[in-house]
Amino acid sequence: MTMVIHRTAAQLREQRQKLLDEVGMTYETLRERASMYSLSMDELDVWHTIEGIDYLLDGDC
């Protein structure tokens, strides 16, 4: 059976900010470093998670 987690847009924005705080970067800095392939594995995981959150927020979940 598949598990589905429901989050509000506000919860997603809060999670997104916590992730950025964890890596100590702004979104712009993280995006720039991702484009230059200069992220650690943990930072890359954060980047991919933020991309997923942004996808959900763009869909106005």
Protein backbone atom coordinates (compact mmCIF):
# COMPACT_ATOMS: atom_id res chain seq x y z
CA MET A 1 0.00 0.00 0.00
CA THR A 2 1.30 3.45 -0.92
CA MET A 3 1.72 6.07 1.78
CA VAL A 4 0.79 9.64 0.89
CA ILE A 5 1.95 12.60 2.94
CA HIS A 6 -0.19 15.72 2.77
CA ARG A 7 1.39 19.13 3.36
CA THR A 8 0.04 22.62 2.99
CA ALA A 9 1.84 25.21 0.88
CA ALA A 10 2.84 26.98 4.12
CA GLN A 11 4.36 23.76 5.48
CA LEU A 12 6.30 23.25 2.25
CA ARG A 13 7.66 26.81 2.38
CA GLU A 14 8.69 26.28 6.00
CA GLN A 15 10.43 23.00 5.15
CA ARG A 16 12.18 24.69 2.21
CA GLN A 17 13.54 27.45 4.44
CA LYS A 18 14.70 24.96 7.09
CA LEU A 19 16.63 23.06 4.44
CA LEU A 20 18.34 26.23 3.25
CA ASP A 21 19.17 27.11 6.86
CA GLU A 22 20.65 23.64 7.39
CA VAL A 23 23.15 24.11 4.56
CA GLY A 24 23.72 27.77 5.44
CA MET A 25 23.03 29.09 1.94
CA THR A 26 20.49 31.19 0.15
CA TYR A 27 18.50 29.64 -2.66
CA GLU A 28 20.52 31.63 -5.19
CA THR A 29 23.85 30.43 -3.79
CA LEU A 30 22.68 26.83 -3.67
CA ARG A 31 21.36 27.04 -7.25
CA GLU A 32 24.62 28.57 -8.48
CA ARG A 33 26.75 25.93 -6.79
CA ALA A 34 24.47 23.19 -8.15
CA SER A 35 24.92 24.54 -11.67
CA MET A 36 28.72 24.36 -11.20
CA TYR A 37 28.54 20.82 -9.73
CA SER A 38 30.21 22.00 -6.53
CA LEU A 39 27.86 20.65 -3.86
CA SER A 40 28.60 18.00 -1.26
CA MET A 41 26.34 14.94 -1.25
CA ASP A 42 24.27 16.37 1.62
CA GLU A 43 23.93 19.72 -0.16
CA LEU A 44 22.93 17.93 -3.36
CA ASP A 45 20.22 16.05 -1.46
CA VAL A 46 18.93 19.40 -0.17
CA TRP A 47 19.01 20.84 -3.69
CA HIS A 48 16.96 17.96 -5.09
CA THR A 49 14.48 18.21 -2.24
CA ILE A 50 14.08 21.95 -2.81
CA GLU A 51 13.54 21.34 -6.52
CA GLY A 52 10.75 18.92 -5.61
CA ILE A 53 9.20 21.38 -3.17
CA ASP A 54 9.33 24.14 -5.78
CA TYR A 55 7.64 21.81 -8.28
CA LEU A 56 4.82 21.16 -5.81
CA LEU A 57 4.47 24.86 -4.96
CA ASP A 58 4.37 25.80 -8.65
CA GLY A 59 1.48 23.35 -8.98
CA ASP A 60 -0.28 25.28 -6.20
CA CYS A 61 -0.74 22.18 -4.07
